[in-house]
Amino acid sequence: MLGRLFGCGTLRPGSQAYQVVAEAVRHHEPAVLPGYGLVGEGHRYPWCVQAPGREVAGTVLVLHDPIPVLANLDRYEGIDEPDPEYLRLALDVVTSDGVCVAWVYVGGPGVPDTARPIQGDDWLL
């Protein structure tokens, strides 16, 4: 089971949802997700959507026991809902050590039509 998770919004260290995964994180490091951009509504949370030529700033979280953490996050992110806002995909992300594969929660069919690009593709800016 893949033990890396890319957080680009509220799952990043110091953000509101990080406590959902904090106990399972062995370490974390800055990373980017190429080919995606962030969209949002300004008052909730962001979604990663495919956007050629852009890259999303985030953090790779290395998990020590990924199966229960990902099951919990899948429920938290609502990926099994009829029209989910998020889907979990294994994607290439780039760290200072190079390219690695990590789980990423990307925007699903339930992303609101009102979502607009987030300038700089960094939720923490």
C-alpha atoms as a PDB file:
ATOM      1  CA  MET A   1       0.000   0.000   0.000  1.00  0.00           C
ATOM      2  CA  LEU A   2       1.317   3.387  -1.016  1.00  0.00           C
ATOM      3  CA  GLY A   3       2.373   5.264   2.129  1.00  0.00           C
ATOM      4  CA  ARG A   4       2.584   8.840   0.851  1.00  0.00           C
ATOM      5  CA  LEU A   5      -0.175  11.442   0.829  1.00  0.00           C
ATOM      6  CA  PHE A   6       0.013  14.846  -0.854  1.00  0.00           C
ATOM      7  CA  GLY A   7      -1.797  17.567   1.084  1.00  0.00           C
ATOM      8  CA  CYS A   8      -2.403  20.870  -0.647  1.00  0.00           C
ATOM      9  CA  GLY A   9      -5.123  22.464   1.473  1.00  0.00           C
ATOM     10  CA  THR A  10      -6.438  21.771   4.937  1.00  0.00           C
ATOM     11  CA  LEU A  11      -4.408  18.520   5.273  1.00  0.00           C
ATOM     12  CA  ARG A  12      -1.124  20.459   5.337  1.00  0.00           C
ATOM     13  CA  PRO A  13       0.685  20.745   8.690  1.00  0.00           C
ATOM     14  CA  GLY A  14      -0.738  23.639  10.678  1.00  0.00           C
ATOM     15  CA  SER A  15      -4.050  23.609   8.814  1.00  0.00           C
ATOM     16  CA  GLN A  16      -7.461  22.713  10.235  1.00  0.00           C
ATOM     17  CA  ALA A  17      -7.754  19.082   9.023  1.00  0.00           C
ATOM     18  CA  TYR A  18      -4.154  18.052   9.693  1.00  0.00           C
ATOM     19  CA  GLN A  19      -5.207  16.543  13.039  1.00  0.00           C
ATOM     20  CA  VAL A  20      -7.095  13.866  11.070  1.00  0.00           C
ATOM     21  CA  VAL A  21      -3.718  12.430   9.960  1.00  0.00           C
ATOM     22  CA  ALA A  22      -1.159  13.898  12.393  1.00  0.00           C
ATOM     23  CA  GLU A  23      -0.666  10.789  14.549  1.00  0.00           C
ATOM     24  CA  ALA A  24       0.130   8.659  11.479  1.00  0.00           C
ATOM     25  CA  VAL A  25       2.680  11.028   9.912  1.00  0.00           C
ATOM     26  CA  ARG A  26       6.301   9.851  10.187  1.00  0.00           C
ATOM     27  CA  HIS A  27       7.624  12.950   8.462  1.00  0.00           C
ATOM     28  CA  HIS A  28       6.623  15.489   5.857  1.00  0.00           C
ATOM     29  CA  GLU A  29       8.310  17.623   3.223  1.00  0.00           C
ATOM     30  CA  PRO A  30       7.366  20.343   0.746  1.00  0.00           C
ATOM     31  CA  ALA A  31       6.263  19.149  -2.680  1.00  0.00           C
ATOM     32  CA  VAL A  32       4.426  20.237  -5.812  1.00  0.00           C
ATOM     33  CA  LEU A  33       1.824  18.497  -7.958  1.00  0.00           C
ATOM     34  CA  PRO A  34       2.511  19.289 -11.636  1.00  0.00           C
ATOM     35  CA  GLY A  35      -0.299  19.506 -14.168  1.00  0.00           C
ATOM     36  CA  TYR A  36      -2.889  20.555 -11.583  1.00  0.00           C
ATOM     37  CA  GLY A  37      -4.163  23.841 -10.208  1.00  0.00           C
ATOM     38  CA  LEU A  38      -6.210  24.860  -7.185  1.00  0.00           C
ATOM     39  CA  VAL A  39      -9.753  26.132  -7.360  1.00  0.00           C
ATOM     40  CA  GLY A  40     -11.984  27.279  -4.532  1.00  0.00           C
ATOM     41  CA  GLU A  41     -14.893  29.429  -3.485  1.00  0.00           C
ATOM     42  CA  GLY A  42     -12.917  31.645  -1.123  1.00  0.00           C
ATOM     43  CA  HIS A  43     -14.552  30.533   2.109  1.00  0.00           C
ATOM     44  CA  ARG A  44     -14.276  26.735   2.211  1.00  0.00           C
ATOM     45  CA  TYR A  45     -11.481  24.459   1.106  1.00  0.00           C
ATOM     46  CA  PRO A  46      -9.640  23.990  -2.193  1.00  0.00           C
ATOM     47  CA  TRP A  47      -9.878  21.360  -4.896  1.00  0.00           C
ATOM     48  CA  CYS A  48      -7.034  20.202  -7.179  1.00  0.00           C
ATOM     49  CA  VAL A  49      -8.151  20.087 -10.796  1.00  0.00           C
ATOM     50  CA  GLN A  50      -6.215  19.218 -13.937  1.00  0.00           C
ATOM     51  CA  ALA A  51      -4.540  22.335 -15.313  1.00  0.00           C
ATOM     52  CA  PRO A  52      -1.720  21.851 -17.814  1.00  0.00           C
ATOM     53  CA  GLY A  53       1.218  24.172 -17.208  1.00  0.00           C
ATOM     54  CA  ARG A  54       0.362  24.804 -13.556  1.00  0.00           C
ATOM     55  CA  GLU A  55       1.520  23.142 -10.336  1.00  0.00           C
ATOM     56  CA  VAL A  56       0.015  23.001  -6.868  1.00  0.00           C
ATOM     57  CA  ALA A  57       2.137  23.725  -3.791  1.00  0.00           C
ATOM     58  CA  GLY A  58       1.717  21.291  -0.933  1.00  0.00           C
ATOM     59  CA  THR A  59       3.291  18.785   1.397  1.00  0.00           C
ATOM     60  CA  VAL A  60       4.027  15.075   1.091  1.00  0.00           C
ATOM     61  CA  LEU A  61       3.038  13.294   4.281  1.00  0.00           C
ATOM     62  CA  VAL A  62       4.788   9.951   4.795  1.00  0.00           C
ATOM     63  CA  LEU A  63       2.413   7.688   6.750  1.00  0.00           C
ATOM     64  CA  HIS A  64       3.484   4.803   8.996  1.00  0.00           C
ATOM     65  CA  ASP A  65       0.202   2.849   8.675  1.00  0.00           C
ATOM     66  CA  PRO A  66      -1.616   4.137   5.585  1.00  0.00           C
ATOM     67  CA  ILE A  67      -4.550   1.706   5.305  1.00  0.00           C
ATOM     68  CA  PRO A  68      -6.615   2.910   8.301  1.00  0.00           C
ATOM     69  CA  VAL A  69      -5.593   6.537   7.733  1.00  0.00           C
ATOM     70  CA  LEU A  70      -6.716   6.478   4.102  1.00  0.00           C
ATOM     71  CA  ALA A  71      -9.964   4.706   5.001  1.00  0.00           C
ATOM     72  CA  ASN A  72     -10.668   7.455   7.552  1.00  0.00           C
ATOM     73  CA  LEU A  73      -9.731  10.182   5.061  1.00  0.00           C
ATOM     74  CA  ASP A  74     -11.905   8.608   2.355  1.00  0.00           C
ATOM     75  CA  ARG A  75     -14.880   8.958   4.703  1.00  0.00           C
ATOM     76  CA  TYR A  76     -13.824  12.476   5.736  1.00  0.00           C
ATOM     77  CA  GLU A  77     -13.452  13.584   2.094  1.00  0.00           C
ATOM     78  CA  GLY A  78     -16.690  11.819   1.071  1.00  0.00           C
ATOM     79  CA  ILE A  79     -15.279   9.898  -1.881  1.00  0.00           C
ATOM     80  CA  ASP A  80     -18.077   7.300  -1.707  1.00  0.00           C
ATOM     81  CA  GLU A  81     -20.880   9.862  -1.898  1.00  0.00           C
ATOM     82  CA  PRO A  82     -23.081   9.811  -5.008  1.00  0.00           C
ATOM     83  CA  ASP A  83     -21.610  13.069  -6.404  1.00  0.00           C
ATOM     84  CA  PRO A  84     -18.265  13.337  -4.562  1.00  0.00           C
ATOM     85  CA  GLU A  85     -16.321  16.569  -4.338  1.00  0.00           C
ATOM     86  CA  TYR A  86     -13.118  14.503  -4.071  1.00  0.00           C
ATOM     87  CA  LEU A  87     -11.581  11.428  -5.674  1.00  0.00           C
ATOM     88  CA  ARG A  88      -8.361   9.770  -4.439  1.00  0.00           C
ATOM     89  CA  LEU A  89      -5.748   9.143  -7.127  1.00  0.00           C
ATOM     90  CA  ALA A  90      -2.113   7.988  -7.101  1.00  0.00           C
ATOM     91  CA  LEU A  91      -0.169  10.752  -8.882  1.00  0.00           C
ATOM     92  CA  ASP A  92       3.412  11.844  -9.406  1.00  0.00           C
ATOM     93  CA  VAL A  93       4.514  14.653  -7.105  1.00  0.00           C
ATOM     94  CA  VAL A  94       7.879  16.397  -6.977  1.00  0.00           C
ATOM     95  CA  THR A  95       9.965  16.844  -3.821  1.00  0.00           C
ATOM     96  CA  SER A  96      13.544  18.039  -3.362  1.00  0.00           C
ATOM     97  CA  ASP A  97      14.580  14.375  -3.837  1.00  0.00           C
ATOM     98  CA  GLY A  98      12.796  14.043  -7.193  1.00  0.00           C
ATOM     99  CA  VAL A  99       9.536  12.486  -8.357  1.00  0.00           C
ATOM    100  CA  CYS A 100       7.547  10.116  -6.147  1.00  0.00           C
ATOM    101  CA  VAL A 101       4.034   8.690  -6.254  1.00  0.00           C
ATOM    102  CA  ALA A 102       1.563   9.830  -3.594  1.00  0.00           C
ATOM    103  CA  TRP A 103      -2.153   9.653  -2.967  1.00  0.00           C
ATOM    104  CA  VAL A 104      -3.869  12.920  -3.837  1.00  0.00           C
ATOM    105  CA  TYR A 105      -7.462  13.944  -3.203  1.00  0.00           C
ATOM    106  CA  VAL A 106      -8.420  15.722  -6.420  1.00  0.00           C
ATOM    107  CA  GLY A 107     -11.631  17.453  -7.382  1.00  0.00           C
ATOM    108  CA  GLY A 108     -14.469  15.104  -8.292  1.00  0.00           C
ATOM    109  CA  PRO A 109     -17.764  15.608 -10.094  1.00  0.00           C
ATOM    110  CA  GLY A 110     -19.238  17.454  -7.096  1.00  0.00           C
ATOM    111  CA  VAL A 111     -16.862  20.439  -7.293  1.00  0.00           C
ATOM    112  CA  PRO A 112     -19.172  23.466  -7.432  1.00  0.00           C
ATOM    113  CA  ASP A 113     -19.469  25.405 -10.683  1.00  0.00           C
ATOM    114  CA  THR A 114     -18.712  28.534  -8.642  1.00  0.00           C
ATOM    115  CA  ALA A 115     -15.126  27.357  -7.900  1.00  0.00           C
ATOM    116  CA  ARG A 116     -12.517  29.675  -9.393  1.00  0.00           C
ATOM    117  CA  PRO A 117      -8.709  29.428  -9.728  1.00  0.00           C
ATOM    118  CA  ILE A 118      -6.731  30.231  -6.591  1.00  0.00           C
ATOM    119  CA  GLN A 119      -3.938  32.649  -7.440  1.00  0.00           C
ATOM    120  CA  GLY A 120      -0.502  31.111  -7.018  1.00  0.00           C
ATOM    121  CA  ASP A 121      -1.952  27.584  -6.608  1.00  0.00           C
ATOM    122  CA  ASP A 122      -1.007  27.669  -2.920  1.00  0.00           C
ATOM    123  CA  TRP A 123      -3.767  27.459  -0.304  1.00  0.00           C
ATOM    124  CA  LEU A 124      -1.501  28.914   2.404  1.00  0.00           C
ATOM    125  CA  LEU A 125      -0.662  32.150   0.576  1.00  0.00           C
END
